[in-house]
N, C-alpha and C. Protein backbone atom coordinates (compact mmCIF):
# COMPACT_ATOMS: atom_id res chain seq x y z
N UNK A 1 53.00 22.33 -36.63
CA UNK A 1 53.30 22.65 -35.32
C UNK A 1 53.48 23.81 -34.62
N UNK A 2 53.83 24.07 -33.71
CA UNK A 2 53.22 25.21 -32.77
C UNK A 2 54.53 26.30 -32.52
N UNK A 3 53.82 27.17 -33.00
CA UNK A 3 55.57 28.12 -32.93
C UNK A 3 55.82 28.61 -31.49
N UNK A 4 57.17 28.74 -30.87
CA UNK A 4 57.29 28.81 -30.19
C UNK A 4 57.96 30.38 -29.83
N UNK A 5 57.88 31.12 -28.18
CA UNK A 5 58.46 31.92 -28.65
C UNK A 5 59.12 31.80 -27.48
N UNK A 6 60.86 32.98 -28.35
CA UNK A 6 61.65 32.67 -27.09
C UNK A 6 61.73 33.57 -25.82
N UNK A 7 62.20 32.64 -24.90
CA UNK A 7 62.19 33.01 -23.58
C UNK A 7 62.87 34.82 -22.97
N UNK A 8 62.22 35.14 -22.40
CA UNK A 8 62.63 36.88 -22.60
C UNK A 8 63.06 36.52 -20.72
N UNK A 9 64.37 36.95 -20.92
CA UNK A 9 65.14 37.24 -19.66
C UNK A 9 65.01 38.77 -18.37
N UNK A 10 65.15 38.79 -17.62
CA UNK A 10 64.40 39.37 -16.42
C UNK A 10 65.25 41.24 -16.66
N UNK A 11 64.46 41.63 -17.24
CA UNK A 11 64.86 43.32 -17.52
C UNK A 11 64.55 43.72 -16.45
N UNK A 12 65.38 45.10 -16.02
CA UNK A 12 65.13 45.56 -15.49
C UNK A 12 65.05 47.16 -15.36
N UNK A 13 64.13 47.90 -15.18
CA UNK A 13 64.02 48.95 -15.88
C UNK A 13 64.50 50.16 -15.29
N UNK A 14 66.23 50.52 -15.97
CA UNK A 14 66.94 52.10 -15.41
C UNK A 14 65.93 53.26 -14.79
N UNK A 15 65.46 53.11 -16.04
CA UNK A 15 64.27 54.64 -15.98
C UNK A 15 63.22 54.61 -14.74
N UNK A 16 62.90 53.31 -14.87
CA UNK A 16 62.16 53.38 -13.47
C UNK A 16 61.99 53.51 -11.95
N UNK A 17 63.87 52.89 -12.10
CA UNK A 17 64.50 52.49 -10.89
C UNK A 17 64.60 54.48 -10.51
N UNK A 18 65.16 55.37 -12.07
CA UNK A 18 65.51 56.44 -11.60
C UNK A 18 64.57 57.45 -10.65
N UNK A 19 63.13 57.40 -11.45
CA UNK A 19 62.14 58.10 -11.03
C UNK A 19 62.42 57.60 -9.63
N UNK A 20 61.81 56.75 -9.17
CA UNK A 20 61.75 55.83 -7.67
C UNK A 20 63.05 56.47 -6.63
N UNK A 21 64.19 56.51 -7.23
CA UNK A 21 65.14 57.42 -6.29
C UNK A 21 64.77 58.76 -5.97
N UNK A 22 63.75 59.70 -6.88
CA UNK A 22 63.77 61.34 -7.13
C UNK A 22 62.57 61.08 -6.48
N UNK A 23 61.46 59.85 -6.35
CA UNK A 23 60.68 60.09 -5.71
C UNK A 23 60.39 59.74 -4.25
N UNK A 24 61.61 59.09 -3.95
CA UNK A 24 62.10 58.40 -2.69
C UNK A 24 62.76 60.10 -1.79
N UNK A 25 63.36 60.26 -2.32
CA UNK A 25 64.23 62.01 -2.69
C UNK A 25 62.83 63.15 -2.11
N UNK A 26 61.99 62.97 -2.78
CA UNK A 26 60.87 63.87 -2.76
C UNK A 26 60.18 63.96 -1.88
N UNK A 27 59.79 62.47 -1.94
CA UNK A 27 58.83 62.18 -0.87
C UNK A 27 59.63 62.25 1.30
N UNK A 28 60.94 61.78 1.39
CA UNK A 28 61.81 62.06 2.75
C UNK A 28 62.18 63.60 2.26
N UNK A 29 63.10 63.96 2.01
CA UNK A 29 63.59 65.34 1.82
C UNK A 29 62.34 66.51 1.88
N UNK A 30 61.26 66.36 0.63
CA UNK A 30 60.75 67.63 0.35
C UNK A 30 61.55 69.05 -0.23
N UNK A 31 62.00 68.54 -1.29
CA UNK A 31 63.10 69.97 -1.61
C UNK A 31 61.89 70.71 -2.16
N UNK A 32 60.83 70.30 -2.50
CA UNK A 32 60.25 70.93 -2.80
C UNK A 32 59.30 72.54 -2.11
N UNK A 33 59.44 71.42 -1.18
CA UNK A 33 58.52 72.41 0.62
C UNK A 33 59.47 73.68 0.86
N UNK A 34 60.58 73.14 0.71
CA UNK A 34 61.83 74.43 1.06
C UNK A 34 61.57 75.50 0.91
N UNK A 35 61.27 76.39 0.05
CA UNK A 35 61.15 77.27 -1.03
C UNK A 35 59.46 77.83 -0.89
N UNK A 36 59.13 79.14 -0.49
CA UNK A 36 58.22 79.59 -1.06
C UNK A 36 57.45 78.97 -2.81
N UNK A 37 58.28 80.04 -3.42
CA UNK A 37 57.38 79.88 -4.84
C UNK A 37 57.49 78.07 -5.33
N UNK A 38 57.77 76.82 -4.76
CA UNK A 38 57.88 75.06 -5.08
C UNK A 38 56.63 74.83 -4.15
N UNK A 39 56.32 75.17 -3.26
CA UNK A 39 55.53 74.71 -1.73
C UNK A 39 54.28 74.23 -2.77
N UNK A 40 53.87 74.58 -3.88
CA UNK A 40 52.39 73.56 -4.39
C UNK A 40 52.81 72.99 -5.53
N UNK A 41 54.08 72.84 -6.03
CA UNK A 41 53.99 71.36 -7.11
C UNK A 41 54.13 70.71 -6.32
N UNK A 42 53.83 69.34 -7.81
CA UNK A 42 53.15 68.08 -7.34
C UNK A 42 54.42 67.47 -7.67
N UNK A 43 55.45 67.54 -7.64
CA UNK A 43 56.60 66.73 -7.95
C UNK A 43 56.76 65.12 -7.23
N UNK A 44 55.59 65.14 -6.29
CA UNK A 44 55.93 63.64 -5.80
C UNK A 44 54.63 62.57 -6.56
N UNK A 45 54.02 63.99 -6.86
CA UNK A 45 52.87 62.91 -7.59
C UNK A 45 53.57 62.61 -9.44
N UNK A 46 53.68 63.76 -9.72
CA UNK A 46 54.91 63.80 -11.04
C UNK A 46 55.78 62.66 -11.03
N UNK A 47 56.70 62.06 -10.07
CA UNK A 47 57.70 60.62 -9.83
C UNK A 47 56.80 59.32 -9.73
N UNK A 48 55.75 60.00 -9.29
CA UNK A 48 55.43 58.97 -8.34
C UNK A 48 54.97 57.94 -10.06
N UNK A 49 54.20 58.72 -10.58
CA UNK A 49 53.14 58.63 -12.17
C UNK A 49 54.53 58.25 -13.47
N UNK A 50 55.31 58.77 -13.14
CA UNK A 50 56.57 58.42 -13.97
C UNK A 50 56.91 57.24 -13.92
N UNK A 51 57.66 57.09 -12.75
CA UNK A 51 57.84 55.34 -12.27
C UNK A 51 56.91 54.15 -12.57
N UNK A 52 56.13 54.43 -12.14
CA UNK A 52 54.25 53.39 -12.42
C UNK A 52 54.77 52.67 -14.25
N UNK A 53 54.78 54.22 -14.77
CA UNK A 53 54.28 54.28 -16.37
C UNK A 53 55.33 53.14 -16.54
N UNK A 54 56.41 54.01 -16.47
CA UNK A 54 58.19 53.23 -17.13
C UNK A 54 58.00 51.60 -16.09
N UNK A 55 57.82 51.67 -15.38
CA UNK A 55 57.44 50.18 -13.93
C UNK A 55 56.49 48.99 -15.23
N UNK A 56 55.42 49.77 -15.87
CA UNK A 56 54.78 48.73 -16.01
C UNK A 56 55.13 48.81 -17.42
N UNK A 57 55.81 49.72 -17.76
CA UNK A 57 56.72 49.13 -19.74
C UNK A 57 57.65 48.89 -20.24
N UNK A 58 58.57 48.60 -19.30
CA UNK A 58 60.12 48.21 -19.26
C UNK A 58 60.16 47.09 -18.13
N UNK A 59 59.84 47.07 -16.68
CA UNK A 59 60.30 45.86 -15.73
C UNK A 59 59.84 44.67 -16.70
N UNK A 60 60.36 44.08 -16.20
CA UNK A 60 59.78 42.26 -16.70
C UNK A 60 61.08 41.36 -15.72
N UNK A 61 60.32 40.25 -14.95
CA UNK A 61 58.79 40.35 -15.20
C UNK A 61 58.00 41.07 -13.82
N UNK A 62 56.97 41.26 -14.60
CA UNK A 62 56.27 41.66 -13.39
C UNK A 62 55.03 41.01 -12.16
N UNK A 63 55.61 41.05 -11.31
CA UNK A 63 54.95 39.52 -9.96
C UNK A 63 54.08 40.10 -8.98
N UNK A 64 53.08 40.37 -8.94
CA UNK A 64 52.26 40.68 -8.06
C UNK A 64 52.76 39.38 -6.76
N UNK A 65 53.26 39.49 -5.73
CA UNK A 65 53.26 39.01 -4.66
C UNK A 65 51.99 39.10 -3.44
N UNK A 66 51.76 38.26 -2.18
CA UNK A 66 50.74 37.50 -1.78
C UNK A 66 50.38 39.72 -0.56
N UNK A 67 51.57 40.20 -0.84
CA UNK A 67 51.86 41.68 -0.38
C UNK A 67 50.82 42.95 -1.16
N UNK A 68 50.71 42.44 -2.20
CA UNK A 68 49.92 42.77 -3.26
C UNK A 68 48.89 42.57 -3.30
N UNK A 69 48.49 41.33 -3.58
CA UNK A 69 46.95 41.56 -3.20
C UNK A 69 46.16 41.78 -2.12
N UNK A 70 46.73 41.36 -0.55
CA UNK A 70 45.78 41.41 0.55
C UNK A 70 45.96 43.10 0.59
N UNK A 71 46.62 44.15 0.45
CA UNK A 71 46.06 45.55 0.30
C UNK A 71 45.33 45.49 -0.78
N UNK A 72 45.49 45.29 -2.25
CA UNK A 72 44.38 45.48 -3.25
C UNK A 72 43.06 44.40 -2.21
N UNK A 73 43.08 43.86 -1.78
CA UNK A 73 41.60 43.26 -1.15
C UNK A 73 41.53 44.03 0.26
N UNK A 74 42.05 44.90 0.41
CA UNK A 74 41.63 45.79 1.86
C UNK A 74 40.82 47.08 0.82
N UNK A 75 41.25 47.72 -0.11
CA UNK A 75 40.96 48.55 -1.09
C UNK A 75 38.85 48.80 -0.66
N UNK A 76 38.61 47.45 -1.33
CA UNK A 76 36.53 47.10 -0.84
C UNK A 76 36.23 46.85 0.33
N UNK A 77 37.40 46.63 1.41
CA UNK A 77 36.66 46.24 2.52
C UNK A 77 36.31 47.89 2.83
N UNK A 78 37.54 48.41 2.98
CA UNK A 78 37.18 50.03 3.08
C UNK A 78 36.02 50.97 2.87
N UNK A 79 35.99 50.47 1.64
CA UNK A 79 34.61 51.00 0.84
C UNK A 79 33.37 50.27 1.17
N UNK A 80 33.44 49.32 1.70
CA UNK A 80 31.96 48.47 2.24
C UNK A 80 31.94 49.05 3.90
N UNK A 81 33.36 49.25 4.45
CA UNK A 81 33.03 49.95 5.73
C UNK A 81 32.48 51.58 5.83
N UNK A 82 33.07 51.89 4.57
CA UNK A 82 32.37 53.31 4.76
C UNK A 82 30.77 53.19 4.51
N UNK A 83 30.43 52.26 3.79
CA UNK A 83 29.20 52.70 3.83
C UNK A 83 28.01 51.95 4.81
N UNK A 84 29.06 51.19 5.41
CA UNK A 84 28.28 50.34 6.69
C UNK A 84 28.30 51.65 7.98
N UNK A 85 29.28 52.25 7.62
CA UNK A 85 29.04 53.26 8.88
C UNK A 85 28.44 54.56 8.58
N UNK A 86 28.33 54.37 7.24
CA UNK A 86 26.65 55.54 7.43
C UNK A 86 27.60 57.07 6.31
N UNK A 87 29.12 56.57 6.68
CA UNK A 87 29.76 57.68 5.35
C UNK A 87 29.49 57.77 3.99
N UNK A 88 29.03 56.63 3.50
CA UNK A 88 29.02 56.50 2.23
C UNK A 88 29.88 56.96 1.50
N UNK A 89 30.44 57.62 0.32
CA UNK A 89 31.01 58.01 -0.23
C UNK A 89 32.91 58.46 0.76
N UNK A 90 32.78 58.78 1.27
CA UNK A 90 34.07 58.83 2.26
C UNK A 90 34.34 57.43 2.66
N UNK A 91 34.27 56.18 2.45
CA UNK A 91 35.01 54.94 2.15
C UNK A 91 35.39 55.14 0.90
N UNK A 92 35.26 55.32 -0.23
CA UNK A 92 35.29 55.44 -1.45
C UNK A 92 37.04 56.16 -1.09
N UNK A 93 36.73 57.68 -0.86
CA UNK A 93 37.90 58.68 -0.43
C UNK A 93 38.81 57.73 -0.34
N UNK A 94 38.78 57.27 0.76
CA UNK A 94 39.60 56.55 1.63
C UNK A 94 40.47 55.67 1.36
N UNK A 95 38.90 55.10 0.44
CA UNK A 95 39.98 53.18 -0.61
C UNK A 95 41.23 54.13 -1.63
N UNK A 96 41.04 54.64 -2.11
CA UNK A 96 41.48 56.43 -3.26
C UNK A 96 42.99 56.31 -2.69
N UNK A 97 42.52 57.05 -1.52
CA UNK A 97 44.13 57.89 -0.53
C UNK A 97 44.67 56.18 -0.12
N UNK A 98 44.21 55.08 -0.15
CA UNK A 98 45.06 54.03 0.73
C UNK A 98 45.96 53.85 -0.36
N UNK A 99 44.97 53.59 -2.23
CA UNK A 99 45.33 53.19 -3.23
C UNK A 99 46.60 54.08 -3.40
N UNK A 100 47.12 55.53 -3.08
CA UNK A 100 47.80 55.95 -4.12
C UNK A 100 48.72 56.35 -2.80
N UNK A 101 48.35 55.74 -1.58
CA UNK A 101 49.58 56.23 -0.62
C UNK A 101 50.41 55.14 -0.15
N UNK A 102 50.00 53.78 -0.35
CA UNK A 102 50.55 52.75 0.07
C UNK A 102 50.17 51.92 -1.29
N UNK A 103 49.51 51.54 -1.81
CA UNK A 103 49.51 50.31 -2.55
C UNK A 103 50.44 50.57 -3.95
N UNK A 104 50.16 51.66 -4.42
CA UNK A 104 51.11 51.99 -5.63
C UNK A 104 52.91 52.29 -5.16
N UNK A 105 53.23 52.56 -4.04
CA UNK A 105 54.51 52.84 -3.80
C UNK A 105 54.63 51.49 -3.19
N UNK A 106 54.11 50.65 -2.30
CA UNK A 106 54.19 49.22 -2.48
C UNK A 106 54.72 48.43 -3.43
N UNK A 107 54.19 48.57 -4.37
CA UNK A 107 54.77 48.10 -5.58
C UNK A 107 55.91 48.18 -6.25
N UNK A 108 55.38 49.80 -6.50
CA UNK A 108 56.63 50.34 -6.89
C UNK A 108 58.16 49.37 -6.14
N UNK A 109 58.52 49.59 -4.83
CA UNK A 109 59.34 49.54 -3.99
C UNK A 109 60.20 48.13 -4.81
N UNK A 110 58.43 46.98 -4.57
CA UNK A 110 59.33 46.19 -4.59
C UNK A 110 59.05 45.57 -5.82
N UNK A 111 58.99 45.80 -6.75
CA UNK A 111 59.14 45.77 -8.26
C UNK A 111 60.66 46.23 -8.75
N UNK A 112 60.99 47.22 -8.58
CA UNK A 112 62.23 47.85 -8.81
C UNK A 112 63.40 47.62 -7.97
N UNK A 113 62.99 47.48 -6.95
CA UNK A 113 64.47 47.00 -5.86
C UNK A 113 64.81 46.05 -6.53
N UNK A 114 65.56 45.49 -6.92
CA UNK A 114 66.16 44.07 -7.88
C UNK A 114 67.28 43.51 -7.19
N UNK A 115 67.87 44.95 -6.69
CA UNK A 115 69.25 44.24 -6.62
C UNK A 115 70.14 44.58 -5.10
N UNK A 116 70.98 44.28 -5.08
CA UNK A 116 71.50 45.17 -3.51
C UNK A 116 72.19 46.20 -3.69
N UNK A 117 72.08 46.23 -5.35
CA UNK A 117 72.30 47.95 -5.23
C UNK A 117 71.70 48.80 -5.06
N UNK A 118 70.62 48.16 -5.81
CA UNK A 118 69.71 49.23 -5.94
C UNK A 118 69.75 49.97 -4.67
N UNK A 119 68.93 48.91 -3.19
CA UNK A 119 68.67 48.51 -1.92
C UNK A 119 69.78 49.91 -1.43
N UNK A 120 70.63 49.55 -1.24
CA UNK A 120 72.18 50.89 -1.17
C UNK A 120 71.61 52.36 -1.40
N UNK A 121 71.52 52.21 -2.39
CA UNK A 121 71.47 53.85 -3.12
C UNK A 121 70.18 54.35 -2.25
N UNK A 122 68.92 53.90 -2.24
CA UNK A 122 67.63 53.68 -1.78
C UNK A 122 67.81 54.50 0.25
N UNK A 123 68.67 53.82 0.50
CA UNK A 123 68.79 53.49 1.64
C UNK A 123 69.81 54.88 2.03
N UNK A 124 70.65 55.06 1.43
CA UNK A 124 71.85 56.37 1.58
C UNK A 124 70.70 57.75 1.22
N UNK A 125 69.98 57.18 0.60
CA UNK A 125 69.10 58.90 0.16
C UNK A 125 68.13 58.68 1.49
N UNK A 126 67.74 58.16 2.23
CA UNK A 126 66.95 57.68 3.35
C UNK A 126 68.15 58.21 4.70
N UNK A 127 69.48 57.64 4.31
CA UNK A 127 69.85 58.21 5.57
C UNK A 127 70.49 60.16 5.28
N UNK A 128 70.70 60.34 4.22
CA UNK A 128 70.96 61.82 3.90
C UNK A 128 69.03 62.39 4.46
N UNK A 129 68.28 61.92 4.19
CA UNK A 129 66.82 62.66 4.89
C UNK A 129 66.99 63.14 6.26
N UNK A 130 67.62 61.88 7.02
CA UNK A 130 67.62 62.11 8.05
C UNK A 130 68.29 62.41 8.82
N UNK A 131 69.53 63.05 7.65
CA UNK A 131 70.58 63.74 8.20
C UNK A 131 70.35 65.08 8.17
N UNK A 132 69.87 65.36 7.61
CA UNK A 132 68.39 66.64 7.21
C UNK A 132 67.76 67.03 8.32
N UNK A 133 67.10 66.19 8.22
CA UNK A 133 66.54 66.42 9.36
C UNK A 133 66.67 66.44 10.72
N UNK A 134 67.54 66.00 11.03
CA UNK A 134 68.18 66.06 11.72
C UNK A 134 68.93 67.35 12.54
N UNK A 135 69.34 67.79 11.29
CA UNK A 135 70.26 69.40 11.55
C UNK A 135 69.40 70.37 11.67
N UNK A 136 68.49 70.12 11.15
CA UNK A 136 66.90 70.81 11.25
C UNK A 136 66.41 71.01 12.18
N UNK A 137 66.53 69.79 13.26
CA UNK A 137 66.17 70.15 14.58
C UNK A 137 67.37 70.45 15.56
N UNK A 138 68.96 70.72 15.14
CA UNK A 138 69.38 71.38 16.28
C UNK A 138 69.43 72.91 15.54
N UNK A 139 69.27 72.83 14.26
CA UNK A 139 69.20 74.47 14.29
C UNK A 139 67.71 74.59 15.02
N UNK A 140 66.70 74.36 15.10
CA UNK A 140 65.58 74.49 15.66
C UNK A 140 65.49 74.80 17.32
N UNK A 141 66.10 74.00 17.89
CA UNK A 141 67.03 73.95 19.48
C UNK A 141 67.66 74.90 20.09
N UNK A 142 68.31 75.63 19.11
CA UNK A 142 69.33 76.70 19.52
C UNK A 142 68.85 77.93 19.19
N UNK A 143 67.95 77.96 17.63
CA UNK A 143 67.16 79.26 17.24
C UNK A 143 66.39 79.23 17.26
N UNK A 144 64.91 78.46 17.81
CA UNK A 144 63.25 77.92 17.35
C UNK A 144 63.20 77.63 16.15
N UNK A 145 63.85 78.28 14.94
CA UNK A 145 63.34 78.40 13.58
C UNK A 145 64.41 77.50 13.54
N UNK A 146 63.91 76.34 12.36
CA UNK A 146 65.04 75.78 11.67
C UNK A 146 65.47 76.39 9.86
N UNK A 147 66.17 75.93 9.57
CA UNK A 147 66.44 76.47 7.82
C UNK A 147 65.81 75.72 7.14
N UNK A 148 64.53 75.31 7.05
CA UNK A 148 63.89 74.85 6.09
C UNK A 148 62.88 75.68 6.65
N UNK A 149 61.82 76.03 5.02
CA UNK A 149 60.38 76.75 5.50
C UNK A 149 60.09 76.45 6.27
N UNK A 150 59.40 77.65 7.50
CA UNK A 150 58.22 77.11 8.47
C UNK A 150 58.19 76.19 9.03
N UNK A 151 59.55 76.34 9.61
CA UNK A 151 59.77 74.84 10.47
C UNK A 151 60.38 75.90 11.84
N UNK A 152 59.86 75.00 13.15
CA UNK A 152 59.98 76.22 14.25
C UNK A 152 59.80 74.90 15.53
N UNK A 153 60.23 75.03 16.00
CA UNK A 153 60.27 74.50 17.42
C UNK A 153 58.76 74.33 18.27
N UNK A 154 57.68 72.71 18.65
CA UNK A 154 56.88 73.81 19.30
C UNK A 154 56.86 73.06 21.01
N UNK A 155 56.06 72.86 21.65
CA UNK A 155 55.92 72.41 22.78
C UNK A 155 55.78 74.09 24.13
N UNK A 156 55.96 73.60 25.30
CA UNK A 156 55.53 74.82 25.90
C UNK A 156 57.29 75.56 26.39
N UNK A 157 57.25 76.54 26.52
CA UNK A 157 58.55 77.31 25.99
C UNK A 157 58.85 77.60 27.90
N UNK A 158 57.46 77.05 28.27
CA UNK A 158 57.75 78.36 30.10
C UNK A 158 58.42 77.25 30.83
N UNK A 159 58.63 75.50 30.10
CA UNK A 159 59.38 74.40 30.87
C UNK A 159 60.49 74.10 30.34
N UNK A 160 60.89 74.51 29.23
CA UNK A 160 61.93 74.11 28.36
C UNK A 160 61.68 73.35 27.41
N UNK A 161 60.44 72.74 27.57
CA UNK A 161 60.16 72.00 26.33
C UNK A 161 60.17 72.56 24.83
N UNK A 162 61.20 71.82 23.87
CA UNK A 162 60.73 71.95 22.60
C UNK A 162 60.89 70.81 22.07
N UNK A 163 60.45 70.94 20.89
CA UNK A 163 60.17 69.91 19.68
C UNK A 163 60.38 70.31 17.83
N UNK A 164 61.27 68.96 17.83
CA UNK A 164 61.47 70.09 16.51
C UNK A 164 60.38 69.65 15.29
N UNK A 165 60.07 69.77 14.30
CA UNK A 165 59.40 69.62 13.11
C UNK A 165 60.28 70.18 11.82
N UNK A 166 58.98 68.74 11.20
CA UNK A 166 60.47 69.23 9.44
C UNK A 166 59.30 69.46 8.89
N UNK A 167 59.41 69.49 7.51
CA UNK A 167 58.57 69.89 6.22
C UNK A 167 57.05 68.34 5.78
N UNK A 168 56.26 69.37 5.67
CA UNK A 168 55.01 67.86 5.00
C UNK A 168 54.63 67.26 6.24
N UNK A 169 54.35 65.99 5.75
CA UNK A 169 54.12 65.41 7.12
C UNK A 169 54.48 65.04 8.13
N UNK A 170 55.81 65.51 8.18
CA UNK A 170 56.92 65.86 8.96
C UNK A 170 56.98 66.95 10.18
N UNK A 171 55.69 67.20 9.71
CA UNK A 171 55.93 68.95 10.86
C UNK A 171 55.04 68.65 12.25
N UNK A 172 54.82 67.03 12.47
CA UNK A 172 53.91 66.88 13.60
C UNK A 172 55.60 66.39 14.13
N UNK A 173 56.01 66.47 15.61
CA UNK A 173 57.56 65.96 15.78
C UNK A 173 57.01 64.23 16.03
N UNK A 174 55.90 63.89 16.47
CA UNK A 174 55.55 62.37 16.49
C UNK A 174 55.94 61.86 15.68
N UNK A 175 55.15 62.72 13.78
CA UNK A 175 55.15 61.28 13.18
C UNK A 175 57.00 62.05 12.43
N UNK A 176 57.49 63.14 12.87
CA UNK A 176 59.10 62.84 12.48
C UNK A 176 59.84 62.19 13.78
N UNK A 177 59.56 61.25 14.71
CA UNK A 177 60.00 61.14 15.74
C UNK A 177 60.20 59.30 14.96
């Protein structure tokens, strides 16, 4: 007679979600870039790696949705496109960048956000980040420099054009918007 294993219940990894919260806060608020001593720290990568390991170890069930498969299928196409364009290994580098910056975060967010409460927590972090960016921009408009490290208004001051910036990849006013 065949032995049957008990059916496992769904398990949400609280540790993985905690590191997803820290990852989200470090990507959007960028606290490590606010001080000179911590600008070179790689906390975003550390939080992403710990979150991925905790997700793979403790989150059940692990499901790959169609959007995961489509993003994974895009990776070899980027490599192939790089070789066809004559840039060779540049396609491999770009595929690695999209894997790290898009595919892994998509997997983490779609796997770790399992309840409405978790979604609300992450949305609260997004709201706090937006408020910090707006406050920094408000200070920039009046004083030219914001309170965040090396943030300043850009634009043609002769015609009164001032565009705000923030830390990291939000340094471009177009990306900040």
